[in-house]
Amino acid sequence: MDQIFTTVSSKGQLVIPIQIREALGIEPGTRIGIRQEGSEVILRPLTQTAARGLIKELCGITAGGPSMTGDLIADRHAEDAKSNW
């Protein structure tokens, strides 16, 4: 998408152009995360679309690491054995 310009109002507000709102699923009431990175301002909409993208981005992030499942099952069996059930 080509660069689009907007102007900050005297109240510090800015309009997000419709092309961007539609592409990102931003609707009235959508929360927007904002942070500064050096001399840039980063806006991140907190929409279902963005949430799905974040989940997809994080999916598999721990792949190849140690699995805790076996340890947790062993701990549960040990607790059951101690409880005299």
C-alpha atoms as a PDB file:
ATOM      1  CA  MET A   1       0.000   0.000   0.000  1.00  0.00           C
ATOM      2  CA  ASP A   2       1.301   3.437  -0.890  1.00  0.00           C
ATOM      3  CA  GLN A   3       2.022   5.915   1.862  1.00  0.00           C
ATOM      4  CA  ILE A   4      -1.064   7.876   2.928  1.00  0.00           C
ATOM      5  CA  PHE A   5      -0.892  11.175   4.777  1.00  0.00           C
ATOM      6  CA  THR A   6      -3.188  12.493   7.487  1.00  0.00           C
ATOM      7  CA  THR A   7      -3.024  15.503   9.803  1.00  0.00           C
ATOM      8  CA  VAL A   8      -3.052  15.604  13.600  1.00  0.00           C
ATOM      9  CA  SER A   9      -5.813  17.854  14.983  1.00  0.00           C
ATOM     10  CA  SER A  10      -5.315  20.504  17.668  1.00  0.00           C
ATOM     11  CA  LYS A  11      -6.587  17.900  20.176  1.00  0.00           C
ATOM     12  CA  GLY A  12      -3.901  15.391  19.119  1.00  0.00           C
ATOM     13  CA  GLN A  13      -6.380  13.248  17.179  1.00  0.00           C
ATOM     14  CA  LEU A  14      -5.759  11.747  13.784  1.00  0.00           C
ATOM     15  CA  VAL A  15      -7.980  10.022  11.253  1.00  0.00           C
ATOM     16  CA  ILE A  16      -6.964   6.579  10.065  1.00  0.00           C
ATOM     17  CA  PRO A  17      -7.835   6.481   6.352  1.00  0.00           C
ATOM     18  CA  ILE A  18     -10.676   4.172   5.329  1.00  0.00           C
ATOM     19  CA  GLN A  19      -8.446   1.955   3.171  1.00  0.00           C
ATOM     20  CA  ILE A  20      -6.351   1.094   6.228  1.00  0.00           C
ATOM     21  CA  ARG A  21      -9.350   0.735   8.565  1.00  0.00           C
ATOM     22  CA  GLU A  22     -11.029  -1.687   6.179  1.00  0.00           C
ATOM     23  CA  ALA A  23      -7.851  -3.686   5.534  1.00  0.00           C
ATOM     24  CA  LEU A  24      -7.198  -4.106   9.274  1.00  0.00           C
ATOM     25  CA  GLY A  25     -10.810  -4.517  10.429  1.00  0.00           C
ATOM     26  CA  ILE A  26     -10.767  -1.319  12.502  1.00  0.00           C
ATOM     27  CA  GLU A  27     -14.306  -0.296  13.459  1.00  0.00           C
ATOM     28  CA  PRO A  28     -15.663   2.370  15.824  1.00  0.00           C
ATOM     29  CA  GLY A  29     -14.668   1.390  19.349  1.00  0.00           C
ATOM     30  CA  THR A  30     -11.624  -0.655  18.287  1.00  0.00           C
ATOM     31  CA  ARG A  31      -8.807  -0.292  20.798  1.00  0.00           C
ATOM     32  CA  ILE A  32      -5.476   0.769  19.322  1.00  0.00           C
ATOM     33  CA  GLY A  33      -2.145   0.008  20.974  1.00  0.00           C
ATOM     34  CA  ILE A  34       0.429   2.745  20.496  1.00  0.00           C
ATOM     35  CA  ARG A  35       4.161   2.795  21.200  1.00  0.00           C
ATOM     36  CA  GLN A  36       7.226   4.740  20.224  1.00  0.00           C
ATOM     37  CA  GLU A  37      10.190   3.083  18.520  1.00  0.00           C
ATOM     38  CA  GLY A  38      12.940   5.643  18.095  1.00  0.00           C
ATOM     39  CA  SER A  39      11.470   8.447  16.020  1.00  0.00           C
ATOM     40  CA  GLU A  40       8.493   6.354  14.835  1.00  0.00           C
ATOM     41  CA  VAL A  41       5.018   5.880  16.276  1.00  0.00           C
ATOM     42  CA  ILE A  42       3.666   2.344  15.929  1.00  0.00           C
ATOM     43  CA  LEU A  43      -0.105   1.788  15.998  1.00  0.00           C
ATOM     44  CA  ARG A  44      -1.459  -1.754  16.455  1.00  0.00           C
ATOM     45  CA  PRO A  45      -5.205  -2.370  16.327  1.00  0.00           C
ATOM     46  CA  LEU A  46      -6.516  -4.826  18.898  1.00  0.00           C
ATOM     47  CA  THR A  47      -9.067  -6.497  16.616  1.00  0.00           C
ATOM     48  CA  GLN A  48     -10.029 -10.132  16.060  1.00  0.00           C
ATOM     49  CA  THR A  49      -8.046 -10.014  12.821  1.00  0.00           C
ATOM     50  CA  ALA A  50      -4.997  -8.702  14.659  1.00  0.00           C
ATOM     51  CA  ALA A  51      -5.444 -11.281  17.422  1.00  0.00           C
ATOM     52  CA  ARG A  52      -5.559 -14.099  14.869  1.00  0.00           C
ATOM     53  CA  GLY A  53      -2.433 -12.693  13.232  1.00  0.00           C
ATOM     54  CA  LEU A  54      -0.631 -12.576  16.581  1.00  0.00           C
ATOM     55  CA  ILE A  55      -1.686 -16.133  17.385  1.00  0.00           C
ATOM     56  CA  LYS A  56      -0.488 -17.283  13.958  1.00  0.00           C
ATOM     57  CA  GLU A  57       2.797 -15.423  14.503  1.00  0.00           C
ATOM     58  CA  LEU A  58       3.336 -17.094  17.892  1.00  0.00           C
ATOM     59  CA  CYS A  59       2.212 -20.560  16.796  1.00  0.00           C
ATOM     60  CA  GLY A  60       5.113 -22.977  17.060  1.00  0.00           C
ATOM     61  CA  ILE A  61       7.386 -20.510  18.844  1.00  0.00           C
ATOM     62  CA  THR A  62       8.379 -23.197  21.365  1.00  0.00           C
ATOM     63  CA  ALA A  63       8.665 -26.017  18.833  1.00  0.00           C
ATOM     64  CA  GLY A  64      11.738 -28.133  19.277  1.00  0.00           C
ATOM     65  CA  GLY A  65      12.114 -27.165  22.928  1.00  0.00           C
ATOM     66  CA  PRO A  66      11.704 -29.475  25.902  1.00  0.00           C
ATOM     67  CA  SER A  67       8.213 -30.853  26.526  1.00  0.00           C
ATOM     68  CA  MET A  68       6.841 -30.449  30.011  1.00  0.00           C
ATOM     69  CA  THR A  69       3.901 -32.808  29.442  1.00  0.00           C
ATOM     70  CA  GLY A  70       5.708 -35.932  30.647  1.00  0.00           C
ATOM     71  CA  ASP A  71       6.985 -34.139  33.754  1.00  0.00           C
ATOM     72  CA  LEU A  72       3.509 -32.831  34.580  1.00  0.00           C
ATOM     73  CA  ILE A  73       1.944 -36.281  34.209  1.00  0.00           C
ATOM     74  CA  ALA A  74       4.626 -37.810  36.426  1.00  0.00           C
ATOM     75  CA  ASP A  75       4.034 -35.105  39.046  1.00  0.00           C
ATOM     76  CA  ARG A  76       0.283 -35.787  39.017  1.00  0.00           C
ATOM     77  CA  HIS A  77       0.856 -39.541  39.460  1.00  0.00           C
ATOM     78  CA  ALA A  78       3.231 -38.853  42.358  1.00  0.00           C
ATOM     79  CA  GLU A  79       0.651 -36.558  44.008  1.00  0.00           C
ATOM     80  CA  ASP A  80      -2.060 -39.187  43.547  1.00  0.00           C
ATOM     81  CA  ALA A  81       0.184 -41.841  45.127  1.00  0.00           C
ATOM     82  CA  LYS A  82       0.841 -39.580  48.140  1.00  0.00           C
ATOM     83  CA  SER A  83      -2.842 -38.773  48.672  1.00  0.00           C
ATOM     84  CA  ASN A  84      -3.688 -42.434  49.507  1.00  0.00           C
ATOM     85  CA  TRP A  85      -6.769 -42.524  47.283  1.00  0.00           C
END
